[in-house]
Amino acid sequence: MTIPPDEPTPLEIMRAADHAAHDAEIAKLNSRVRELEETNTALGKAIGLLHSMNEEEPAEPPTTPESTSSSP
């Protein structure tokens, strides 16, 4: 059986499908990486803001729980 030269072989078709699936997976993973990097940046900014807010608050004296034990 001969295949005309302008038609792809079954192996070429299979490789092209694998390549397309691989490219789609890479695009999906790159998108997820960008999303996680943006989340990481936002969390870093939130943590920095919390640290700066914590530095601005006056120090409060530590509170101690009241002792409820009775002496014998």
N, C-alpha and C. Protein backbone atom coordinates (compact mmCIF):
# COMPACT_ATOMS: atom_id res chain seq x y z
N MET A 1 0.85 -1.18 0.00
CA MET A 1 0.00 0.00 0.00
C MET A 1 0.89 1.24 0.00
N THR A 2 0.61 2.12 -0.87
CA THR A 2 1.37 3.37 -0.93
C THR A 2 0.47 4.54 -0.57
N ILE A 3 1.09 5.51 0.08
CA ILE A 3 0.37 6.72 0.49
C ILE A 3 0.85 7.84 -0.40
N PRO A 4 -0.08 8.58 -0.94
CA PRO A 4 0.34 9.71 -1.78
C PRO A 4 1.23 10.66 -0.98
N PRO A 5 2.22 11.27 -1.63
CA PRO A 5 3.19 12.12 -0.92
C PRO A 5 2.58 13.35 -0.25
N ASP A 6 1.43 13.82 -0.69
CA ASP A 6 0.85 15.02 -0.08
C ASP A 6 -0.07 14.69 1.10
N GLU A 7 -0.25 13.42 1.42
CA GLU A 7 -1.06 13.04 2.58
C GLU A 7 -0.15 12.60 3.71
N PRO A 8 -0.46 12.99 4.95
CA PRO A 8 0.39 12.58 6.07
C PRO A 8 0.20 11.09 6.38
N THR A 9 1.27 10.50 6.84
CA THR A 9 1.21 9.09 7.24
C THR A 9 0.48 8.98 8.57
N PRO A 10 -0.02 7.80 8.92
CA PRO A 10 -0.66 7.64 10.24
C PRO A 10 0.28 8.01 11.40
N LEU A 11 1.55 7.70 11.25
CA LEU A 11 2.51 8.07 12.29
C LEU A 11 2.62 9.59 12.42
N GLU A 12 2.65 10.29 11.30
CA GLU A 12 2.71 11.76 11.32
C GLU A 12 1.44 12.34 11.94
N ILE A 13 0.31 11.73 11.64
CA ILE A 13 -0.95 12.19 12.23
C ILE A 13 -0.93 12.00 13.74
N MET A 14 -0.44 10.84 14.19
CA MET A 14 -0.37 10.56 15.63
C MET A 14 0.60 11.52 16.32
N ARG A 15 1.75 11.75 15.68
CA ARG A 15 2.72 12.68 16.28
C ARG A 15 2.17 14.10 16.34
N ALA A 16 1.45 14.51 15.32
CA ALA A 16 0.87 15.85 15.30
C ALA A 16 -0.17 15.99 16.41
N ALA A 17 -0.96 14.94 16.63
CA ALA A 17 -1.96 14.98 17.71
C ALA A 17 -1.27 15.04 19.07
N ASP A 18 -0.21 14.24 19.25
CA ASP A 18 0.54 14.28 20.50
C ASP A 18 1.17 15.65 20.72
N HIS A 19 1.70 16.22 19.66
CA HIS A 19 2.32 17.54 19.75
C HIS A 19 1.29 18.60 20.13
N ALA A 20 0.11 18.53 19.54
CA ALA A 20 -0.95 19.49 19.85
C ALA A 20 -1.41 19.34 21.30
N ALA A 21 -1.53 18.09 21.75
CA ALA A 21 -1.93 17.86 23.15
C ALA A 21 -0.85 18.38 24.10
N HIS A 22 0.41 18.17 23.74
CA HIS A 22 1.52 18.64 24.56
C HIS A 22 1.53 20.17 24.63
N ASP A 23 1.34 20.81 23.49
CA ASP A 23 1.29 22.28 23.46
C ASP A 23 0.13 22.82 24.30
N ALA A 24 -1.02 22.15 24.24
CA ALA A 24 -2.18 22.58 25.04
C ALA A 24 -1.87 22.43 26.53
N GLU A 25 -1.22 21.35 26.91
CA GLU A 25 -0.87 21.13 28.32
C GLU A 25 0.13 22.19 28.79
N ILE A 26 1.10 22.52 27.97
CA ILE A 26 2.08 23.56 28.32
C ILE A 26 1.38 24.90 28.50
N ALA A 27 0.46 25.24 27.61
CA ALA A 27 -0.27 26.50 27.72
C ALA A 27 -1.08 26.53 29.02
N LYS A 28 -1.71 25.42 29.35
CA LYS A 28 -2.51 25.34 30.58
C LYS A 28 -1.62 25.51 31.81
N LEU A 29 -0.48 24.84 31.80
CA LEU A 29 0.44 24.94 32.95
C LEU A 29 1.04 26.34 33.06
N ASN A 30 1.38 26.96 31.94
CA ASN A 30 1.90 28.32 31.98
C ASN A 30 0.87 29.29 32.54
N SER A 31 -0.38 29.09 32.17
CA SER A 31 -1.46 29.93 32.70
C SER A 31 -1.57 29.76 34.22
N ARG A 32 -1.48 28.52 34.68
CA ARG A 32 -1.57 28.24 36.12
C ARG A 32 -0.39 28.86 36.86
N VAL A 33 0.79 28.80 36.27
CA VAL A 33 1.98 29.40 36.89
C VAL A 33 1.79 30.90 37.04
N ARG A 34 1.28 31.56 36.00
CA ARG A 34 1.03 33.01 36.08
C ARG A 34 0.01 33.32 37.18
N GLU A 35 -1.03 32.51 37.26
CA GLU A 35 -2.06 32.71 38.29
C GLU A 35 -1.46 32.56 39.69
N LEU A 36 -0.64 31.55 39.89
CA LEU A 36 -0.02 31.34 41.20
C LEU A 36 0.98 32.44 41.53
N GLU A 37 1.71 32.93 40.53
CA GLU A 37 2.64 34.03 40.77
C GLU A 37 1.90 35.29 41.18
N GLU A 38 0.76 35.57 40.54
CA GLU A 38 -0.04 36.74 40.90
C GLU A 38 -0.60 36.59 42.32
N THR A 39 -1.03 35.39 42.67
CA THR A 39 -1.54 35.14 44.02
C THR A 39 -0.43 35.33 45.04
N ASN A 40 0.76 34.84 44.72
CA ASN A 40 1.90 34.98 45.62
C ASN A 40 2.25 36.45 45.82
N THR A 41 2.20 37.23 44.76
CA THR A 41 2.47 38.67 44.86
C THR A 41 1.44 39.35 45.74
N ALA A 42 0.17 39.01 45.54
CA ALA A 42 -0.90 39.62 46.34
C ALA A 42 -0.75 39.24 47.82
N LEU A 43 -0.42 38.00 48.09
CA LEU A 43 -0.23 37.58 49.48
C LEU A 43 0.97 38.28 50.11
N GLY A 44 2.03 38.46 49.33
CA GLY A 44 3.20 39.17 49.84
C GLY A 44 2.86 40.61 50.21
N LYS A 45 2.05 41.25 49.36
CA LYS A 45 1.64 42.63 49.65
C LYS A 45 0.76 42.67 50.90
N ALA A 46 -0.14 41.70 51.04
CA ALA A 46 -1.02 41.67 52.21
C ALA A 46 -0.22 41.45 53.48
N ILE A 47 0.76 40.57 53.43
CA ILE A 47 1.59 40.31 54.60
C ILE A 47 2.39 41.56 54.95
N GLY A 48 2.94 42.24 53.93
CA GLY A 48 3.68 43.47 54.18
C GLY A 48 2.79 44.53 54.81
N LEU A 49 1.56 44.64 54.34
CA LEU A 49 0.61 45.61 54.91
C LEU A 49 0.30 45.27 56.37
N LEU A 50 0.09 44.00 56.65
CA LEU A 50 -0.17 43.59 58.04
C LEU A 50 1.02 43.89 58.94
N HIS A 51 2.22 43.65 58.45
CA HIS A 51 3.42 43.97 59.24
C HIS A 51 3.51 45.47 59.51
N SER A 52 3.23 46.28 58.49
CA SER A 52 3.32 47.73 58.69
C SER A 52 2.23 48.21 59.64
N MET A 53 1.05 47.62 59.57
CA MET A 53 -0.02 48.00 60.50
C MET A 53 0.34 47.59 61.92
N ASN A 54 0.98 46.44 62.06
CA ASN A 54 1.36 45.95 63.38
C ASN A 54 2.43 46.86 63.99
N GLU A 55 3.33 47.39 63.18
CA GLU A 55 4.37 48.28 63.68
C GLU A 55 3.80 49.62 64.15
N GLU A 56 2.70 50.06 63.55
CA GLU A 56 2.12 51.35 63.89
C GLU A 56 1.31 51.31 65.18
N GLU A 57 0.83 50.15 65.58
CA GLU A 57 0.02 50.05 66.78
C GLU A 57 0.90 50.19 68.01
N PRO A 58 0.40 50.89 69.04
CA PRO A 58 1.18 51.00 70.28
C PRO A 58 1.24 49.64 70.97
N ALA A 59 2.32 49.42 71.63
CA ALA A 59 2.49 48.16 72.35
C ALA A 59 1.54 48.13 73.54
N GLU A 60 0.83 47.05 73.69
CA GLU A 60 -0.09 46.88 74.82
C GLU A 60 0.58 45.99 75.85
N PRO A 61 0.32 46.27 77.12
CA PRO A 61 0.90 45.39 78.13
C PRO A 61 0.31 43.99 78.00
N PRO A 62 1.10 42.98 78.22
CA PRO A 62 0.58 41.62 78.10
C PRO A 62 -0.49 41.37 79.17
N THR A 63 -1.51 40.69 78.80
CA THR A 63 -2.57 40.35 79.76
C THR A 63 -2.31 38.95 80.30
N THR A 64 -2.57 38.82 81.56
CA THR A 64 -2.41 37.50 82.19
C THR A 64 -3.77 37.00 82.62
N PRO A 65 -4.03 35.74 82.44
CA PRO A 65 -5.33 35.22 82.85
C PRO A 65 -5.45 35.26 84.37
N GLU A 66 -6.66 35.56 84.84
CA GLU A 66 -6.88 35.61 86.28
C GLU A 66 -6.78 34.22 86.86
N SER A 67 -6.16 34.15 87.99
CA SER A 67 -5.97 32.85 88.64
C SER A 67 -7.26 32.51 89.41
N THR A 68 -7.80 31.34 89.14
CA THR A 68 -9.03 30.91 89.82
C THR A 68 -8.75 29.77 90.78
N SER A 69 -7.49 29.44 90.96
CA SER A 69 -7.18 28.35 91.89
C SER A 69 -7.31 28.86 93.33
N SER A 70 -7.85 28.03 94.15
CA SER A 70 -8.01 28.40 95.57
C SER A 70 -6.85 27.85 96.36
N SER A 71 -6.42 28.61 97.33
CA SER A 71 -5.30 28.15 98.14
C SER A 71 -5.81 27.30 99.30
N PRO A 72 -5.11 26.27 99.67
CA PRO A 72 -5.58 25.35 100.73
C PRO A 72 -5.48 25.93 102.10
